[in-house]
């Protein structure tokens, strides 16, 4: 029996398989992945050494934990297909906007459901994941799920009502950061830097600054003040950002994405 079965061999399903293998949490022979795309499965088998199949029922009946990495519109039909064949009692879903209640309604009462919201940096082991547990999930199951999540980054448990906020912040957040990197790079070019140099400097600046917040566990306001000398260049730049509404724009972006997530969940 496999420790982990993954239904959906796309970017996120593959990221979790890669994560648990790279971290040493599981061996390739403890993972089985199902997908409708045979060439994709062949690549996963070749690259990761995992077992592959086009049969969702085979995964459900032979895995201790089943991770659903399918599009939200396919979640209900996949659950209906596998419901009678799940041999163990934990389903993890990363489908955006699909509530725990709706998934539980398609499963026997004994089956636990965890709903998670990962982001794309999970593909390089630097993801952020918010997750919530259903009514039948035990603490041991949460611990097992969190080990899987943490193999691709960091994870935080929140009440399900806050998963829309997680979506607006970290789920959509990479796009905001990419836009900022692009804008900083454009500014560097405007001031005379070659494009490759400007992009590399901008991206590394964001990476390094985020790493400082995480590794030092220091509030970003404190770190910001360490860079800002009286009458210097940084305070001039910060003044320009405040005048342009930079802080407010980011807050509104998170709010707008969270509201849209709420709408899609209805």
C-alpha atoms as a PDB file:
ATOM      1  CA  UNK A   1       0.000   0.000   0.000  1.00  0.00           C
ATOM      2  CA  UNK A   2       1.224   3.515  -0.839  1.00  0.00           C
ATOM      3  CA  UNK A   3       1.632   6.083   1.904  1.00  0.00           C
ATOM      4  CA  UNK A   4       0.516   8.880  -0.434  1.00  0.00           C
ATOM      5  CA  UNK A   5      -1.738   8.777  -3.463  1.00  0.00           C
ATOM      6  CA  UNK A   6      -2.031  11.852  -5.659  1.00  0.00           C
ATOM      7  CA  UNK A   7      -4.894  12.320  -8.091  1.00  0.00           C
ATOM      8  CA  UNK A   8      -3.781  14.926 -10.603  1.00  0.00           C
ATOM      9  CA  UNK A   9      -0.237  14.942 -11.943  1.00  0.00           C
ATOM     10  CA  UNK A  10      -0.033  18.613 -12.893  1.00  0.00           C
ATOM     11  CA  UNK A  11       2.378  21.206 -11.526  1.00  0.00           C
ATOM     12  CA  UNK A  12       1.062  21.160  -7.959  1.00  0.00           C
ATOM     13  CA  UNK A  13       0.585  17.398  -7.709  1.00  0.00           C
ATOM     14  CA  UNK A  14       4.116  16.901  -8.998  1.00  0.00           C
ATOM     15  CA  UNK A  15       5.410  19.564  -6.580  1.00  0.00           C
ATOM     16  CA  UNK A  16       4.068  17.677  -3.565  1.00  0.00           C
ATOM     17  CA  UNK A  17       5.490  14.398  -4.846  1.00  0.00           C
ATOM     18  CA  UNK A  18       8.871  16.040  -5.375  1.00  0.00           C
ATOM     19  CA  UNK A  19       8.673  17.704  -1.959  1.00  0.00           C
ATOM     20  CA  UNK A  20       8.038  14.586   0.084  1.00  0.00           C
ATOM     21  CA  UNK A  21      10.754  12.720  -1.806  1.00  0.00           C
ATOM     22  CA  UNK A  22      13.373  15.487  -1.589  1.00  0.00           C
ATOM     23  CA  UNK A  23      12.715  16.005   2.120  1.00  0.00           C
ATOM     24  CA  UNK A  24      13.119  12.302   2.812  1.00  0.00           C
ATOM     25  CA  UNK A  25       9.582  12.065   4.181  1.00  0.00           C
ATOM     26  CA  UNK A  26       8.655   9.349   1.680  1.00  0.00           C
ATOM     27  CA  UNK A  27      10.446   7.161  -0.839  1.00  0.00           C
ATOM     28  CA  UNK A  28       9.328   7.105  -4.479  1.00  0.00           C
ATOM     29  CA  UNK A  29       7.907   3.590  -4.087  1.00  0.00           C
ATOM     30  CA  UNK A  30       5.564   4.915  -1.374  1.00  0.00           C
ATOM     31  CA  UNK A  31       3.827   7.287  -3.798  1.00  0.00           C
ATOM     32  CA  UNK A  32       1.313   6.640  -6.584  1.00  0.00           C
ATOM     33  CA  UNK A  33       0.031   9.312  -8.955  1.00  0.00           C
ATOM     34  CA  UNK A  34      -3.043   9.145 -11.180  1.00  0.00           C
ATOM     35  CA  UNK A  35      -3.750  11.332 -14.195  1.00  0.00           C
ATOM     36  CA  UNK A  36      -5.560  11.087 -17.536  1.00  0.00           C
ATOM     37  CA  UNK A  37      -2.447  12.230 -19.427  1.00  0.00           C
ATOM     38  CA  UNK A  38      -0.268   9.162 -20.059  1.00  0.00           C
ATOM     39  CA  UNK A  39       2.766  11.096 -21.397  1.00  0.00           C
ATOM     40  CA  UNK A  40       2.690  13.207 -18.227  1.00  0.00           C
ATOM     41  CA  UNK A  41       2.569  10.063 -16.110  1.00  0.00           C
ATOM     42  CA  UNK A  42       5.466   8.549 -18.022  1.00  0.00           C
ATOM     43  CA  UNK A  43       7.516  11.677 -17.295  1.00  0.00           C
ATOM     44  CA  UNK A  44       6.659  11.568 -13.588  1.00  0.00           C
ATOM     45  CA  UNK A  45       7.633   7.917 -13.438  1.00  0.00           C
ATOM     46  CA  UNK A  46      10.918   8.639 -15.201  1.00  0.00           C
ATOM     47  CA  UNK A  47      11.791  11.802 -13.250  1.00  0.00           C
ATOM     48  CA  UNK A  48      10.640  10.826  -9.760  1.00  0.00           C
ATOM     49  CA  UNK A  49      10.476   7.050  -9.812  1.00  0.00           C
ATOM     50  CA  UNK A  50       6.906   6.992  -8.466  1.00  0.00           C
ATOM     51  CA  UNK A  51       4.217   4.518  -9.464  1.00  0.00           C
ATOM     52  CA  UNK A  52       1.703   5.933 -11.956  1.00  0.00           C
ATOM     53  CA  UNK A  53      -1.740   4.994 -13.207  1.00  0.00           C
ATOM     54  CA  UNK A  54      -4.748   6.371 -15.068  1.00  0.00           C
ATOM     55  CA  UNK A  55      -7.069   4.712 -12.539  1.00  0.00           C
ATOM     56  CA  UNK A  56      -8.274   6.996  -9.706  1.00  0.00           C
ATOM     57  CA  UNK A  57      -9.924   4.089  -7.914  1.00  0.00           C
ATOM     58  CA  UNK A  58      -6.616   2.232  -7.748  1.00  0.00           C
ATOM     59  CA  UNK A  59      -5.080   5.243  -5.997  1.00  0.00           C
ATOM     60  CA  UNK A  60      -7.994   5.627  -3.577  1.00  0.00           C
ATOM     61  CA  UNK A  61      -8.004   1.956  -2.624  1.00  0.00           C
ATOM     62  CA  UNK A  62      -4.268   1.665  -2.119  1.00  0.00           C
ATOM     63  CA  UNK A  63      -3.193   4.856  -0.343  1.00  0.00           C
ATOM     64  CA  UNK A  64      -3.179   5.928   3.289  1.00  0.00           C
ATOM     65  CA  UNK A  65      -3.582   9.583   2.319  1.00  0.00           C
ATOM     66  CA  UNK A  66      -5.167  10.790  -0.933  1.00  0.00           C
ATOM     67  CA  UNK A  67      -4.200  14.240  -2.202  1.00  0.00           C
ATOM     68  CA  UNK A  68      -6.636  15.726  -4.707  1.00  0.00           C
ATOM     69  CA  UNK A  69      -4.734  18.009  -7.075  1.00  0.00           C
ATOM     70  CA  UNK A  70      -7.437  18.407  -9.706  1.00  0.00           C
ATOM     71  CA  UNK A  71      -9.265  21.471 -10.976  1.00  0.00           C
ATOM     72  CA  UNK A  72     -12.104  22.629  -8.694  1.00  0.00           C
ATOM     73  CA  UNK A  73     -14.739  21.756 -11.305  1.00  0.00           C
ATOM     74  CA  UNK A  74     -13.568  18.111 -11.277  1.00  0.00           C
ATOM     75  CA  UNK A  75     -13.435  17.671  -7.495  1.00  0.00           C
ATOM     76  CA  UNK A  76     -17.010  16.470  -6.925  1.00  0.00           C
ATOM     77  CA  UNK A  77     -16.967  13.899  -9.719  1.00  0.00           C
ATOM     78  CA  UNK A  78     -13.607  12.500  -8.582  1.00  0.00           C
ATOM     79  CA  UNK A  79     -14.870  12.192  -5.003  1.00  0.00           C
ATOM     80  CA  UNK A  80     -18.035  10.428  -6.168  1.00  0.00           C
ATOM     81  CA  UNK A  81     -15.880   8.053  -8.208  1.00  0.00           C
ATOM     82  CA  UNK A  82     -13.552   7.087  -5.361  1.00  0.00           C
ATOM     83  CA  UNK A  83     -15.843   7.402  -2.307  1.00  0.00           C
ATOM     84  CA  UNK A  84     -16.605   3.687  -1.972  1.00  0.00           C
ATOM     85  CA  UNK A  85     -13.018   2.667  -2.575  1.00  0.00           C
ATOM     86  CA  UNK A  86     -11.092   4.747  -0.041  1.00  0.00           C
ATOM     87  CA  UNK A  87      -9.344   2.313   2.277  1.00  0.00           C
ATOM     88  CA  UNK A  88      -8.112   4.903   4.768  1.00  0.00           C
ATOM     89  CA  UNK A  89      -9.694   7.991   6.225  1.00  0.00           C
ATOM     90  CA  UNK A  90      -7.944  11.116   4.967  1.00  0.00           C
ATOM     91  CA  UNK A  91      -8.500  13.233   1.875  1.00  0.00           C
ATOM     92  CA  UNK A  92      -6.449  16.387   1.262  1.00  0.00           C
ATOM     93  CA  UNK A  93      -7.815  18.783  -1.339  1.00  0.00           C
ATOM     94  CA  UNK A  94      -6.001  21.766  -2.839  1.00  0.00           C
ATOM     95  CA  UNK A  95      -8.953  22.769  -5.037  1.00  0.00           C
ATOM     96  CA  UNK A  96      -9.641  26.494  -4.635  1.00  0.00           C
ATOM     97  CA  UNK A  97     -13.155  27.437  -3.608  1.00  0.00           C
ATOM     98  CA  UNK A  98     -14.401  23.903  -2.844  1.00  0.00           C
ATOM     99  CA  UNK A  99     -15.613  23.834   0.762  1.00  0.00           C
ATOM    100  CA  UNK A 100     -14.990  21.077   3.248  1.00  0.00           C
ATOM    101  CA  UNK A 101     -18.742  20.603   3.666  1.00  0.00           C
ATOM    102  CA  UNK A 102     -19.320  20.052  -0.037  1.00  0.00           C
ATOM    103  CA  UNK A 103     -16.535  17.465  -0.152  1.00  0.00           C
ATOM    104  CA  UNK A 104     -17.746  15.700   2.990  1.00  0.00           C
ATOM    105  CA  UNK A 105     -21.213  15.419   1.423  1.00  0.00           C
ATOM    106  CA  UNK A 106     -19.701  13.193  -1.280  1.00  0.00           C
ATOM    107  CA  UNK A 107     -17.885  10.917   1.167  1.00  0.00           C
ATOM    108  CA  UNK A 108     -18.714   8.455   3.967  1.00  0.00           C
ATOM    109  CA  UNK A 109     -18.835  10.026   7.449  1.00  0.00           C
ATOM    110  CA  UNK A 110     -15.641   8.256   8.563  1.00  0.00           C
ATOM    111  CA  UNK A 111     -13.529   9.958   5.878  1.00  0.00           C
ATOM    112  CA  UNK A 112     -11.610  13.009   7.092  1.00  0.00           C
ATOM    113  CA  UNK A 113     -11.136  15.998   4.786  1.00  0.00           C
ATOM    114  CA  UNK A 114      -8.429  18.647   4.917  1.00  0.00           C
ATOM    115  CA  UNK A 115      -8.749  21.640   2.605  1.00  0.00           C
ATOM    116  CA  UNK A 116      -5.527  23.453   1.732  1.00  0.00           C
ATOM    117  CA  UNK A 117      -4.599  26.579  -0.195  1.00  0.00           C
ATOM    118  CA  UNK A 118      -1.012  26.323  -1.511  1.00  0.00           C
ATOM    119  CA  UNK A 119       0.773  28.768  -3.791  1.00  0.00           C
ATOM    120  CA  UNK A 120       3.004  28.260  -6.816  1.00  0.00           C
ATOM    121  CA  UNK A 121       6.366  28.584  -4.986  1.00  0.00           C
ATOM    122  CA  UNK A 122       5.566  25.121  -3.601  1.00  0.00           C
ATOM    123  CA  UNK A 123       7.080  23.980  -6.910  1.00  0.00           C
ATOM    124  CA  UNK A 124      10.539  25.021  -5.665  1.00  0.00           C
ATOM    125  CA  UNK A 125      10.070  24.106  -1.991  1.00  0.00           C
ATOM    126  CA  UNK A 126       9.323  27.688  -0.923  1.00  0.00           C
ATOM    127  CA  UNK A 127       5.545  27.595  -0.726  1.00  0.00           C
ATOM    128  CA  UNK A 128       3.059  29.005   1.761  1.00  0.00           C
ATOM    129  CA  UNK A 129       0.043  26.855   2.621  1.00  0.00           C
ATOM    130  CA  UNK A 130      -3.009  27.647   4.712  1.00  0.00           C
ATOM    131  CA  UNK A 131      -5.200  24.676   5.598  1.00  0.00           C
ATOM    132  CA  UNK A 132      -8.342  23.728   7.535  1.00  0.00           C
ATOM    133  CA  UNK A 133      -9.579  20.435   8.914  1.00  0.00           C
ATOM    134  CA  UNK A 134     -12.992  18.793   8.560  1.00  0.00           C
ATOM    135  CA  UNK A 135     -15.077  17.287  11.327  1.00  0.00           C
ATOM    136  CA  UNK A 136     -13.700  13.739  11.071  1.00  0.00           C
ATOM    137  CA  UNK A 137     -10.012  14.695  11.009  1.00  0.00           C
ATOM    138  CA  UNK A 138      -7.842  13.700  13.980  1.00  0.00           C
ATOM    139  CA  UNK A 139      -4.821  15.523  15.374  1.00  0.00           C
ATOM    140  CA  UNK A 140      -2.589  12.715  14.131  1.00  0.00           C
ATOM    141  CA  UNK A 141      -3.958  13.164  10.624  1.00  0.00           C
ATOM    142  CA  UNK A 142      -3.333  16.906  10.775  1.00  0.00           C
ATOM    143  CA  UNK A 143       0.250  16.210  11.834  1.00  0.00           C
ATOM    144  CA  UNK A 144       0.692  13.806   8.905  1.00  0.00           C
ATOM    145  CA  UNK A 145      -0.780  16.311   6.463  1.00  0.00           C
ATOM    146  CA  UNK A 146       1.379  19.114   7.806  1.00  0.00           C
ATOM    147  CA  UNK A 147       4.518  17.057   7.203  1.00  0.00           C
ATOM    148  CA  UNK A 148       3.470  16.751   3.569  1.00  0.00           C
ATOM    149  CA  UNK A 149       2.732  20.484   3.324  1.00  0.00           C
ATOM    150  CA  UNK A 150       5.976  21.477   5.029  1.00  0.00           C
ATOM    151  CA  UNK A 151       7.983  19.422   2.540  1.00  0.00           C
ATOM    152  CA  UNK A 152       7.120  22.146   0.012  1.00  0.00           C
ATOM    153  CA  UNK A 153       7.498  25.200   2.275  1.00  0.00           C
ATOM    154  CA  UNK A 154       5.583  26.266   5.377  1.00  0.00           C
ATOM    155  CA  UNK A 155       1.999  25.620   6.483  1.00  0.00           C
ATOM    156  CA  UNK A 156      -0.413  27.244   8.921  1.00  0.00           C
ATOM    157  CA  UNK A 157      -3.754  25.894  10.130  1.00  0.00           C
ATOM    158  CA  UNK A 158      -6.623  28.407  10.076  1.00  0.00           C
ATOM    159  CA  UNK A 159     -10.417  28.197  10.430  1.00  0.00           C
ATOM    160  CA  UNK A 160     -12.010  27.502   7.052  1.00  0.00           C
ATOM    161  CA  UNK A 161     -13.675  30.926   7.032  1.00  0.00           C
ATOM    162  CA  UNK A 162     -10.174  32.456   6.779  1.00  0.00           C
ATOM    163  CA  UNK A 163      -9.045  30.458   3.739  1.00  0.00           C
ATOM    164  CA  UNK A 164     -10.349  33.209   1.444  1.00  0.00           C
ATOM    165  CA  UNK A 165      -7.983  35.598   3.238  1.00  0.00           C
ATOM    166  CA  UNK A 166      -5.160  33.083   2.745  1.00  0.00           C
ATOM    167  CA  UNK A 167      -6.039  32.975  -0.957  1.00  0.00           C
ATOM    168  CA  UNK A 168      -5.929  36.760  -1.215  1.00  0.00           C
ATOM    169  CA  UNK A 169      -2.639  37.031   0.668  1.00  0.00           C
ATOM    170  CA  UNK A 170      -0.375  34.082  -0.126  1.00  0.00           C
ATOM    171  CA  UNK A 171      -2.335  32.277  -2.840  1.00  0.00           C
ATOM    172  CA  UNK A 172      -2.445  35.307  -5.136  1.00  0.00           C
ATOM    173  CA  UNK A 173       0.510  37.028  -3.474  1.00  0.00           C
ATOM    174  CA  UNK A 174       3.243  35.728  -5.796  1.00  0.00           C
ATOM    175  CA  UNK A 175       1.650  37.705  -8.640  1.00  0.00           C
ATOM    176  CA  UNK A 176       1.898  40.923  -6.609  1.00  0.00           C
ATOM    177  CA  UNK A 177       5.567  40.231  -5.896  1.00  0.00           C
ATOM    178  CA  UNK A 178       6.299  39.425  -9.540  1.00  0.00           C
ATOM    179  CA  UNK A 179       4.695  42.714 -10.529  1.00  0.00           C
ATOM    180  CA  UNK A 180       6.844  44.545  -7.979  1.00  0.00           C
ATOM    181  CA  UNK A 181      10.005  42.851  -9.270  1.00  0.00           C
ATOM    182  CA  UNK A 182       9.055  43.774 -12.829  1.00  0.00           C
ATOM    183  CA  UNK A 183       8.412  47.406 -11.846  1.00  0.00           C
ATOM    184  CA  UNK A 184      11.688  47.659  -9.908  1.00  0.00           C
ATOM    185  CA  UNK A 185      13.522  46.168 -12.873  1.00  0.00           C
ATOM    186  CA  UNK A 186      11.868  48.649 -15.238  1.00  0.00           C
ATOM    187  CA  UNK A 187      12.944  51.473 -12.936  1.00  0.00           C
ATOM    188  CA  UNK A 188      16.510  50.205 -12.999  1.00  0.00           C
ATOM    189  CA  UNK A 189      16.447  50.193 -16.790  1.00  0.00           C
ATOM    190  CA  UNK A 190      14.980  53.697 -16.768  1.00  0.00           C
ATOM    191  CA  UNK A 191      17.961  54.815 -14.700  1.00  0.00           C
ATOM    192  CA  UNK A 192      20.430  53.235 -17.112  1.00  0.00           C
ATOM    193  CA  UNK A 193      21.010  49.669 -15.922  1.00  0.00           C
ATOM    194  CA  UNK A 194      21.069  46.857 -18.504  1.00  0.00           C
ATOM    195  CA  UNK A 195      17.870  44.788 -18.344  1.00  0.00           C
ATOM    196  CA  UNK A 196      19.516  41.511 -17.200  1.00  0.00           C
ATOM    197  CA  UNK A 197      21.366  43.293 -14.400  1.00  0.00           C
ATOM    198  CA  UNK A 198      18.279  45.246 -13.304  1.00  0.00           C
ATOM    199  CA  UNK A 199      16.125  42.120 -13.176  1.00  0.00           C
ATOM    200  CA  UNK A 200      18.707  40.105 -11.273  1.00  0.00           C
ATOM    201  CA  UNK A 201      19.250  42.877  -8.734  1.00  0.00           C
ATOM    202  CA  UNK A 202      15.510  43.419  -8.241  1.00  0.00           C
ATOM    203  CA  UNK A 203      14.727  39.726  -7.776  1.00  0.00           C
ATOM    204  CA  UNK A 204      17.639  39.159  -5.392  1.00  0.00           C
ATOM    205  CA  UNK A 205      16.645  42.222  -3.370  1.00  0.00           C
ATOM    206  CA  UNK A 206      13.140  40.807  -2.838  1.00  0.00           C
ATOM    207  CA  UNK A 207      14.525  37.356  -2.038  1.00  0.00           C
ATOM    208  CA  UNK A 208      17.095  38.682   0.397  1.00  0.00           C
ATOM    209  CA  UNK A 209      14.655  41.002   2.150  1.00  0.00           C
ATOM    210  CA  UNK A 210      12.061  38.233   2.595  1.00  0.00           C
ATOM    211  CA  UNK A 211      14.779  35.927   3.923  1.00  0.00           C
ATOM    212  CA  UNK A 212      15.741  38.553   6.522  1.00  0.00           C
ATOM    213  CA  UNK A 213      12.149  38.714   7.792  1.00  0.00           C
ATOM    214  CA  UNK A 214      11.905  34.929   8.029  1.00  0.00           C
ATOM    215  CA  UNK A 215      15.340  34.107   9.408  1.00  0.00           C
ATOM    216  CA  UNK A 216      15.624  36.979  11.891  1.00  0.00           C
ATOM    217  CA  UNK A 217      11.948  36.745  12.924  1.00  0.00           C
ATOM    218  CA  UNK A 218      11.974  40.544  13.073  1.00  0.00           C
ATOM    219  CA  UNK A 219       9.058  42.805  12.214  1.00  0.00           C
ATOM    220  CA  UNK A 220       9.533  44.304   8.737  1.00  0.00           C
ATOM    221  CA  UNK A 221       9.082  47.818  10.140  1.00  0.00           C
ATOM    222  CA  UNK A 222      12.197  47.320  12.287  1.00  0.00           C
ATOM    223  CA  UNK A 223      14.194  46.049   9.304  1.00  0.00           C
ATOM    224  CA  UNK A 224      12.917  48.948   7.201  1.00  0.00           C
ATOM    225  CA  UNK A 225      14.141  51.435   9.804  1.00  0.00           C
ATOM    226  CA  UNK A 226      17.591  49.808   9.758  1.00  0.00           C
ATOM    227  CA  UNK A 227      17.894  50.724   6.067  1.00  0.00           C
ATOM    228  CA  UNK A 228      16.496  54.239   6.464  1.00  0.00           C
ATOM    229  CA  UNK A 229      19.022  56.847   7.518  1.00  0.00           C
ATOM    230  CA  UNK A 230      17.999  60.470   8.237  1.00  0.00           C
ATOM    231  CA  UNK A 231      17.761  62.540   5.077  1.00  0.00           C
ATOM    232  CA  UNK A 232      19.086  59.657   2.970  1.00  0.00           C
ATOM    233  CA  UNK A 233      18.139  57.942  -0.243  1.00  0.00           C
ATOM    234  CA  UNK A 234      15.824  55.313   1.269  1.00  0.00           C
ATOM    235  CA  UNK A 235      13.539  57.778   3.059  1.00  0.00           C
ATOM    236  CA  UNK A 236      13.217  59.696  -0.205  1.00  0.00           C
ATOM    237  CA  UNK A 237      12.116  56.501  -1.922  1.00  0.00           C
ATOM    238  CA  UNK A 238       9.728  55.592   0.896  1.00  0.00           C
ATOM    239  CA  UNK A 239       8.171  59.057   0.702  1.00  0.00           C
ATOM    240  CA  UNK A 240       7.550  58.527  -3.008  1.00  0.00           C
ATOM    241  CA  UNK A 241       5.917  55.154  -2.312  1.00  0.00           C
ATOM    242  CA  UNK A 242       3.633  56.657   0.350  1.00  0.00           C
ATOM    243  CA  UNK A 243       2.585  59.464  -2.016  1.00  0.00           C
ATOM    244  CA  UNK A 244       1.793  56.875  -4.705  1.00  0.00           C
ATOM    245  CA  UNK A 245      -0.342  54.835  -2.299  1.00  0.00           C
ATOM    246  CA  UNK A 246       1.889  51.747  -2.483  1.00  0.00           C
ATOM    247  CA  UNK A 247       0.926  50.370   0.918  1.00  0.00           C
ATOM    248  CA  UNK A 248      -2.786  51.005   0.362  1.00  0.00           C
ATOM    249  CA  UNK A 249      -2.634  49.437  -3.113  1.00  0.00           C
ATOM    250  CA  UNK A 250      -1.237  46.175  -1.712  1.00  0.00           C
ATOM    251  CA  UNK A 251      -3.879  46.072   1.027  1.00  0.00           C
ATOM    252  CA  UNK A 252      -6.619  46.618  -1.551  1.00  0.00           C
ATOM    253  CA  UNK A 253      -5.155  43.887  -3.774  1.00  0.00           C
ATOM    254  CA  UNK A 254      -5.323  41.317  -0.971  1.00  0.00           C
ATOM    255  CA  UNK A 255      -8.868  42.406  -0.091  1.00  0.00           C
ATOM    256  CA  UNK A 256     -10.030  42.230  -3.710  1.00  0.00           C
ATOM    257  CA  UNK A 257      -8.560  38.762  -4.242  1.00  0.00           C
ATOM    258  CA  UNK A 258     -10.097  37.524  -0.972  1.00  0.00           C
ATOM    259  CA  UNK A 259     -13.511  38.883  -1.952  1.00  0.00           C
ATOM    260  CA  UNK A 260     -13.248  37.193  -5.336  1.00  0.00           C
ATOM    261  CA  UNK A 261     -12.357  33.926  -3.619  1.00  0.00           C
ATOM    262  CA  UNK A 262     -15.497  34.286  -1.502  1.00  0.00           C
ATOM    263  CA  UNK A 263     -17.580  34.836  -4.648  1.00  0.00           C
ATOM    264  CA  UNK A 264     -16.145  31.764  -6.357  1.00  0.00           C
ATOM    265  CA  UNK A 265     -16.892  29.651  -3.263  1.00  0.00           C
ATOM    266  CA  UNK A 266     -20.584  30.559  -3.297  1.00  0.00           C
END
